[in-house]
Amino acid sequence: MNEPRIRRTLPAFEVLAELGRRDPDALQALGRLLTDDVIKHAPRPASRRRLEGLKFRIEMERRRAPDALSACVRLSQLMHQSLSELHTVLNEPDGFRRQAPRSAGTVLGFPPAGQEPV
């Protein structure tokens, strides 16, 4: 973790827009490279795990969307939900702490492979 952070300078917006029109896969590759760099250089392992989880969730929403605009709307909704939660925590911290914890659910046991269910 003591390695120096790679400093990348983004091209101008116009250059990125043209890259998106001409070679969308290259633009996506650049985005993945930059995202991975941020995650790799997160200050704590717990932060890296959370960022990896967020990256996974974003990628799954993008894959589930039928087109780019739908993906944008889905990701916008995720950001607004997160911002709303942050607003609640900052403005009503005691109320946020008193919220009922989510139920853990029921864990079902399955027989080992090759055995018949009882």
N, C-alpha and C. Protein backbone atom coordinates (compact mmCIF):
# COMPACT_ATOMS: atom_id res chain seq x y z
N MET A 1 0.82 -1.19 0.00
CA MET A 1 0.00 0.00 0.00
C MET A 1 0.86 1.26 0.00
N ASN A 2 2.16 1.10 0.09
CA ASN A 2 3.05 2.25 0.09
C ASN A 2 3.47 2.68 -1.31
N GLU A 3 2.94 2.00 -2.33
CA GLU A 3 3.31 2.37 -3.68
C GLU A 3 2.70 3.73 -4.03
N PRO A 4 3.36 4.49 -4.87
CA PRO A 4 2.83 5.82 -5.22
C PRO A 4 1.57 5.67 -6.07
N ARG A 5 0.64 6.55 -5.84
CA ARG A 5 -0.59 6.54 -6.61
C ARG A 5 -0.31 7.01 -8.03
N ILE A 6 -0.87 6.29 -8.95
CA ILE A 6 -0.73 6.67 -10.35
C ILE A 6 -1.58 7.91 -10.58
N ARG A 7 -0.98 8.95 -11.10
CA ARG A 7 -1.70 10.18 -11.39
C ARG A 7 -2.11 10.17 -12.86
N ARG A 8 -3.37 10.20 -13.09
CA ARG A 8 -3.87 10.24 -14.46
C ARG A 8 -4.60 11.55 -14.68
N THR A 9 -4.35 12.15 -15.81
CA THR A 9 -5.04 13.37 -16.17
C THR A 9 -6.08 13.03 -17.22
N LEU A 10 -7.31 13.39 -16.95
CA LEU A 10 -8.36 13.13 -17.93
C LEU A 10 -8.21 14.06 -19.12
N PRO A 11 -8.49 13.55 -20.30
CA PRO A 11 -8.54 14.45 -21.45
C PRO A 11 -9.70 15.44 -21.30
N ALA A 12 -9.71 16.45 -22.11
CA ALA A 12 -10.80 17.43 -22.10
C ALA A 12 -12.13 16.73 -22.40
N PHE A 13 -13.21 17.33 -21.95
CA PHE A 13 -14.55 16.77 -22.15
C PHE A 13 -14.81 16.48 -23.62
N GLU A 14 -14.45 17.39 -24.48
CA GLU A 14 -14.70 17.22 -25.91
C GLU A 14 -13.99 15.98 -26.45
N VAL A 15 -12.78 15.75 -25.96
CA VAL A 15 -12.02 14.57 -26.38
C VAL A 15 -12.72 13.30 -25.89
N LEU A 16 -13.19 13.31 -24.64
CA LEU A 16 -13.90 12.15 -24.10
C LEU A 16 -15.20 11.91 -24.85
N ALA A 17 -15.92 12.99 -25.17
CA ALA A 17 -17.18 12.85 -25.92
C ALA A 17 -16.92 12.25 -27.29
N GLU A 18 -15.88 12.71 -27.96
CA GLU A 18 -15.54 12.16 -29.28
C GLU A 18 -15.14 10.69 -29.16
N LEU A 19 -14.38 10.34 -28.13
CA LEU A 19 -14.00 8.95 -27.90
C LEU A 19 -15.24 8.09 -27.69
N GLY A 20 -16.22 8.62 -26.94
CA GLY A 20 -17.46 7.90 -26.71
C GLY A 20 -18.24 7.66 -28.00
N ARG A 21 -18.21 8.62 -28.89
CA ARG A 21 -18.90 8.46 -30.18
C ARG A 21 -18.14 7.50 -31.10
N ARG A 22 -16.82 7.66 -31.14
CA ARG A 22 -15.99 6.91 -32.08
C ARG A 22 -15.68 5.50 -31.58
N ASP A 23 -15.37 5.37 -30.28
CA ASP A 23 -14.94 4.08 -29.72
C ASP A 23 -15.46 3.93 -28.29
N PRO A 24 -16.75 3.61 -28.14
CA PRO A 24 -17.34 3.49 -26.79
C PRO A 24 -16.63 2.47 -25.91
N ASP A 25 -16.11 1.40 -26.51
CA ASP A 25 -15.41 0.39 -25.71
C ASP A 25 -14.14 0.96 -25.09
N ALA A 26 -13.44 1.80 -25.83
CA ALA A 26 -12.23 2.43 -25.29
C ALA A 26 -12.57 3.37 -24.14
N LEU A 27 -13.68 4.09 -24.27
CA LEU A 27 -14.11 4.98 -23.19
C LEU A 27 -14.46 4.17 -21.95
N GLN A 28 -15.14 3.04 -22.15
CA GLN A 28 -15.48 2.16 -21.01
C GLN A 28 -14.21 1.61 -20.37
N ALA A 29 -13.24 1.24 -21.19
CA ALA A 29 -11.98 0.72 -20.66
C ALA A 29 -11.26 1.78 -19.83
N LEU A 30 -11.28 3.02 -20.29
CA LEU A 30 -10.68 4.11 -19.52
C LEU A 30 -11.40 4.28 -18.19
N GLY A 31 -12.72 4.22 -18.22
CA GLY A 31 -13.50 4.33 -16.99
C GLY A 31 -13.17 3.22 -16.01
N ARG A 32 -13.05 1.99 -16.51
CA ARG A 32 -12.69 0.86 -15.63
C ARG A 32 -11.29 1.04 -15.05
N LEU A 33 -10.36 1.50 -15.87
CA LEU A 33 -8.99 1.72 -15.41
C LEU A 33 -8.95 2.74 -14.28
N LEU A 34 -9.66 3.84 -14.46
CA LEU A 34 -9.67 4.90 -13.44
C LEU A 34 -10.38 4.43 -12.17
N THR A 35 -11.48 3.71 -12.34
CA THR A 35 -12.22 3.18 -11.19
C THR A 35 -11.36 2.21 -10.39
N ASP A 36 -10.71 1.30 -11.09
CA ASP A 36 -9.85 0.33 -10.41
C ASP A 36 -8.71 1.02 -9.68
N ASP A 37 -8.19 2.09 -10.27
CA ASP A 37 -7.10 2.84 -9.63
C ASP A 37 -7.58 3.47 -8.32
N VAL A 38 -8.78 4.04 -8.33
CA VAL A 38 -9.32 4.65 -7.11
C VAL A 38 -9.51 3.58 -6.04
N ILE A 39 -10.07 2.44 -6.42
CA ILE A 39 -10.31 1.37 -5.45
C ILE A 39 -8.99 0.83 -4.91
N LYS A 40 -8.03 0.62 -5.78
CA LYS A 40 -6.75 0.08 -5.37
C LYS A 40 -6.05 0.97 -4.35
N HIS A 41 -6.25 2.27 -4.46
CA HIS A 41 -5.56 3.21 -3.58
C HIS A 41 -6.44 3.76 -2.46
N ALA A 42 -7.56 3.08 -2.20
CA ALA A 42 -8.39 3.48 -1.07
C ALA A 42 -7.58 3.31 0.22
N PRO A 43 -7.80 4.17 1.21
CA PRO A 43 -6.93 4.18 2.40
C PRO A 43 -7.04 2.94 3.29
N ARG A 44 -8.20 2.27 3.31
CA ARG A 44 -8.38 1.13 4.22
C ARG A 44 -8.98 -0.06 3.47
N PRO A 45 -8.69 -1.26 3.93
CA PRO A 45 -9.29 -2.45 3.30
C PRO A 45 -10.82 -2.39 3.31
N ALA A 46 -11.41 -1.89 4.41
CA ALA A 46 -12.87 -1.80 4.47
C ALA A 46 -13.40 -0.86 3.39
N SER A 47 -12.69 0.22 3.14
CA SER A 47 -13.10 1.15 2.08
C SER A 47 -13.01 0.48 0.72
N ARG A 48 -11.95 -0.29 0.52
CA ARG A 48 -11.80 -0.99 -0.77
C ARG A 48 -12.94 -1.98 -0.98
N ARG A 49 -13.32 -2.71 0.08
CA ARG A 49 -14.42 -3.66 -0.04
C ARG A 49 -15.73 -2.95 -0.38
N ARG A 50 -15.97 -1.83 0.28
CA ARG A 50 -17.22 -1.08 0.00
C ARG A 50 -17.22 -0.54 -1.42
N LEU A 51 -16.07 -0.04 -1.87
CA LEU A 51 -15.98 0.48 -3.23
C LEU A 51 -16.15 -0.64 -4.26
N GLU A 52 -15.57 -1.81 -3.98
CA GLU A 52 -15.76 -2.95 -4.88
C GLU A 52 -17.24 -3.34 -4.95
N GLY A 53 -17.91 -3.32 -3.79
CA GLY A 53 -19.34 -3.63 -3.77
C GLY A 53 -20.15 -2.62 -4.55
N LEU A 54 -19.81 -1.35 -4.41
CA LEU A 54 -20.51 -0.31 -5.16
C LEU A 54 -20.26 -0.46 -6.65
N LYS A 55 -19.03 -0.75 -7.02
CA LYS A 55 -18.69 -0.97 -8.43
C LYS A 55 -19.51 -2.12 -9.00
N PHE A 56 -19.60 -3.21 -8.23
CA PHE A 56 -20.39 -4.37 -8.67
C PHE A 56 -21.85 -3.98 -8.87
N ARG A 57 -22.39 -3.26 -7.90
CA ARG A 57 -23.81 -2.87 -7.99
C ARG A 57 -24.06 -1.99 -9.21
N ILE A 58 -23.16 -1.05 -9.47
CA ILE A 58 -23.29 -0.17 -10.63
C ILE A 58 -23.23 -0.99 -11.92
N GLU A 59 -22.27 -1.91 -12.00
CA GLU A 59 -22.14 -2.74 -13.21
C GLU A 59 -23.39 -3.60 -13.43
N MET A 60 -23.96 -4.14 -12.35
CA MET A 60 -25.16 -4.96 -12.49
C MET A 60 -26.35 -4.12 -12.96
N GLU A 61 -26.48 -2.91 -12.43
CA GLU A 61 -27.56 -2.03 -12.89
C GLU A 61 -27.39 -1.69 -14.37
N ARG A 62 -26.16 -1.46 -14.78
CA ARG A 62 -25.90 -1.14 -16.18
C ARG A 62 -26.24 -2.33 -17.07
N ARG A 63 -25.89 -3.54 -16.62
CA ARG A 63 -26.18 -4.73 -17.44
C ARG A 63 -27.66 -5.02 -17.52
N ARG A 64 -28.38 -4.74 -16.43
CA ARG A 64 -29.82 -5.01 -16.40
C ARG A 64 -30.61 -4.03 -17.26
N ALA A 65 -30.05 -2.87 -17.49
CA ALA A 65 -30.77 -1.85 -18.25
C ALA A 65 -30.78 -2.21 -19.73
N PRO A 66 -31.92 -1.97 -20.38
CA PRO A 66 -32.01 -2.31 -21.81
C PRO A 66 -31.21 -1.39 -22.72
N ASP A 67 -30.93 -0.17 -22.25
CA ASP A 67 -30.17 0.77 -23.07
C ASP A 67 -29.44 1.76 -22.15
N ALA A 68 -28.61 2.60 -22.77
CA ALA A 68 -27.77 3.53 -21.99
C ALA A 68 -28.61 4.53 -21.19
N LEU A 69 -29.70 5.02 -21.77
CA LEU A 69 -30.53 5.99 -21.05
C LEU A 69 -31.17 5.36 -19.82
N SER A 70 -31.65 4.14 -19.95
CA SER A 70 -32.23 3.44 -18.80
C SER A 70 -31.19 3.22 -17.72
N ALA A 71 -29.98 2.88 -18.13
CA ALA A 71 -28.90 2.70 -17.15
C ALA A 71 -28.63 4.01 -16.42
N CYS A 72 -28.63 5.10 -17.15
CA CYS A 72 -28.41 6.42 -16.55
C CYS A 72 -29.50 6.73 -15.52
N VAL A 73 -30.74 6.43 -15.85
CA VAL A 73 -31.86 6.68 -14.93
C VAL A 73 -31.72 5.81 -13.68
N ARG A 74 -31.38 4.54 -13.86
CA ARG A 74 -31.22 3.64 -12.72
C ARG A 74 -30.10 4.12 -11.78
N LEU A 75 -28.98 4.52 -12.37
CA LEU A 75 -27.86 4.98 -11.56
C LEU A 75 -28.18 6.30 -10.89
N SER A 76 -28.93 7.16 -11.56
CA SER A 76 -29.36 8.41 -10.96
C SER A 76 -30.25 8.14 -9.75
N GLN A 77 -31.14 7.17 -9.87
CA GLN A 77 -32.01 6.81 -8.74
C GLN A 77 -31.18 6.29 -7.56
N LEU A 78 -30.16 5.48 -7.85
CA LEU A 78 -29.29 5.00 -6.77
C LEU A 78 -28.59 6.15 -6.07
N MET A 79 -28.11 7.11 -6.84
CA MET A 79 -27.42 8.25 -6.25
C MET A 79 -28.37 9.10 -5.42
N HIS A 80 -29.59 9.31 -5.90
CA HIS A 80 -30.56 10.11 -5.15
C HIS A 80 -30.95 9.41 -3.85
N GLN A 81 -31.08 8.08 -3.91
CA GLN A 81 -31.39 7.33 -2.69
C GLN A 81 -30.26 7.47 -1.67
N SER A 82 -29.04 7.36 -2.13
CA SER A 82 -27.89 7.49 -1.25
C SER A 82 -27.80 8.90 -0.67
N LEU A 83 -28.05 9.90 -1.49
CA LEU A 83 -28.04 11.28 -1.03
C LEU A 83 -29.13 11.53 0.01
N SER A 84 -30.29 10.93 -0.21
CA SER A 84 -31.38 11.06 0.76
C SER A 84 -31.00 10.44 2.11
N GLU A 85 -30.36 9.28 2.07
CA GLU A 85 -29.91 8.64 3.31
C GLU A 85 -28.86 9.49 4.03
N LEU A 86 -27.95 10.07 3.26
CA LEU A 86 -26.93 10.95 3.84
C LEU A 86 -27.60 12.17 4.48
N HIS A 87 -28.58 12.74 3.81
CA HIS A 87 -29.31 13.89 4.34
C HIS A 87 -29.96 13.54 5.68
N THR A 88 -30.57 12.35 5.74
CA THR A 88 -31.21 11.91 6.98
C THR A 88 -30.19 11.75 8.10
N VAL A 89 -29.08 11.12 7.80
CA VAL A 89 -28.04 10.91 8.82
C VAL A 89 -27.51 12.24 9.33
N LEU A 90 -27.27 13.19 8.44
CA LEU A 90 -26.70 14.47 8.85
C LEU A 90 -27.69 15.34 9.61
N ASN A 91 -28.97 15.28 9.23
CA ASN A 91 -29.96 16.17 9.83
C ASN A 91 -30.77 15.55 10.95
N GLU A 92 -30.82 14.23 11.00
CA GLU A 92 -31.56 13.55 12.05
C GLU A 92 -30.77 12.33 12.55
N PRO A 93 -29.57 12.56 13.08
CA PRO A 93 -28.72 11.41 13.44
C PRO A 93 -29.34 10.50 14.49
N ASP A 94 -30.06 11.06 15.45
CA ASP A 94 -30.66 10.20 16.48
C ASP A 94 -31.77 9.34 15.88
N GLY A 95 -32.57 9.91 15.00
CA GLY A 95 -33.63 9.14 14.35
C GLY A 95 -33.07 8.04 13.48
N PHE A 96 -31.97 8.32 12.83
CA PHE A 96 -31.34 7.31 11.98
C PHE A 96 -30.85 6.13 12.83
N ARG A 97 -30.27 6.43 13.98
CA ARG A 97 -29.76 5.37 14.85
C ARG A 97 -30.88 4.53 15.45
N ARG A 98 -32.07 5.14 15.63
CA ARG A 98 -33.18 4.42 16.25
C ARG A 98 -33.95 3.56 15.27
N GLN A 99 -33.66 3.66 13.98
CA GLN A 99 -34.39 2.85 13.02
C GLN A 99 -34.20 1.38 13.34
N ALA A 100 -35.28 0.63 13.13
CA ALA A 100 -35.23 -0.80 13.41
C ALA A 100 -34.24 -1.47 12.47
N PRO A 101 -33.43 -2.37 13.01
CA PRO A 101 -32.49 -3.09 12.14
C PRO A 101 -33.25 -4.00 11.18
N ARG A 102 -32.66 -4.24 10.04
CA ARG A 102 -33.27 -5.14 9.07
C ARG A 102 -33.27 -6.55 9.63
N SER A 103 -34.35 -7.30 9.36
CA SER A 103 -34.39 -8.67 9.84
C SER A 103 -33.41 -9.50 9.03
N ALA A 104 -32.84 -10.48 9.69
CA ALA A 104 -31.82 -11.29 9.06
C ALA A 104 -32.41 -12.34 8.13
N GLY A 105 -33.70 -12.67 8.28
CA GLY A 105 -34.30 -13.69 7.44
C GLY A 105 -34.09 -15.07 8.02
N THR A 106 -34.53 -16.06 7.31
CA THR A 106 -34.43 -17.44 7.76
C THR A 106 -33.43 -18.18 6.88
N VAL A 107 -32.53 -18.90 7.51
CA VAL A 107 -31.55 -19.69 6.78
C VAL A 107 -32.10 -21.10 6.63
N LEU A 108 -32.18 -21.57 5.41
CA LEU A 108 -32.69 -22.91 5.14
C LEU A 108 -31.52 -23.86 4.95
N GLY A 109 -31.66 -25.04 5.54
CA GLY A 109 -30.63 -26.06 5.36
C GLY A 109 -30.96 -26.93 4.16
N PHE A 110 -29.98 -27.23 3.36
CA PHE A 110 -30.18 -28.11 2.22
C PHE A 110 -29.31 -29.35 2.44
N PRO A 111 -29.82 -30.51 2.03
CA PRO A 111 -29.03 -31.73 2.21
C PRO A 111 -27.79 -31.70 1.32
N PRO A 112 -26.75 -32.39 1.73
CA PRO A 112 -25.55 -32.46 0.88
C PRO A 112 -25.90 -33.05 -0.48
N ALA A 113 -25.13 -32.72 -1.46
CA ALA A 113 -25.36 -33.21 -2.81
C ALA A 113 -25.38 -34.74 -2.81
N GLY A 114 -26.32 -35.30 -3.52
CA GLY A 114 -26.41 -36.76 -3.62
C GLY A 114 -27.36 -37.39 -2.61
N GLN A 115 -27.80 -36.65 -1.60
CA GLN A 115 -28.73 -37.18 -0.61
C GLN A 115 -30.14 -36.71 -0.96
N GLU A 116 -31.09 -37.55 -0.65
CA GLU A 116 -32.50 -37.20 -0.87
C GLU A 116 -32.99 -36.28 0.24
N PRO A 117 -33.84 -35.30 -0.09
CA PRO A 117 -34.41 -34.45 0.96
C PRO A 117 -35.30 -35.26 1.87
N VAL A 118 -35.37 -34.84 3.12
CA VAL A 118 -36.17 -35.55 4.11
C VAL A 118 -37.59 -35.06 4.08
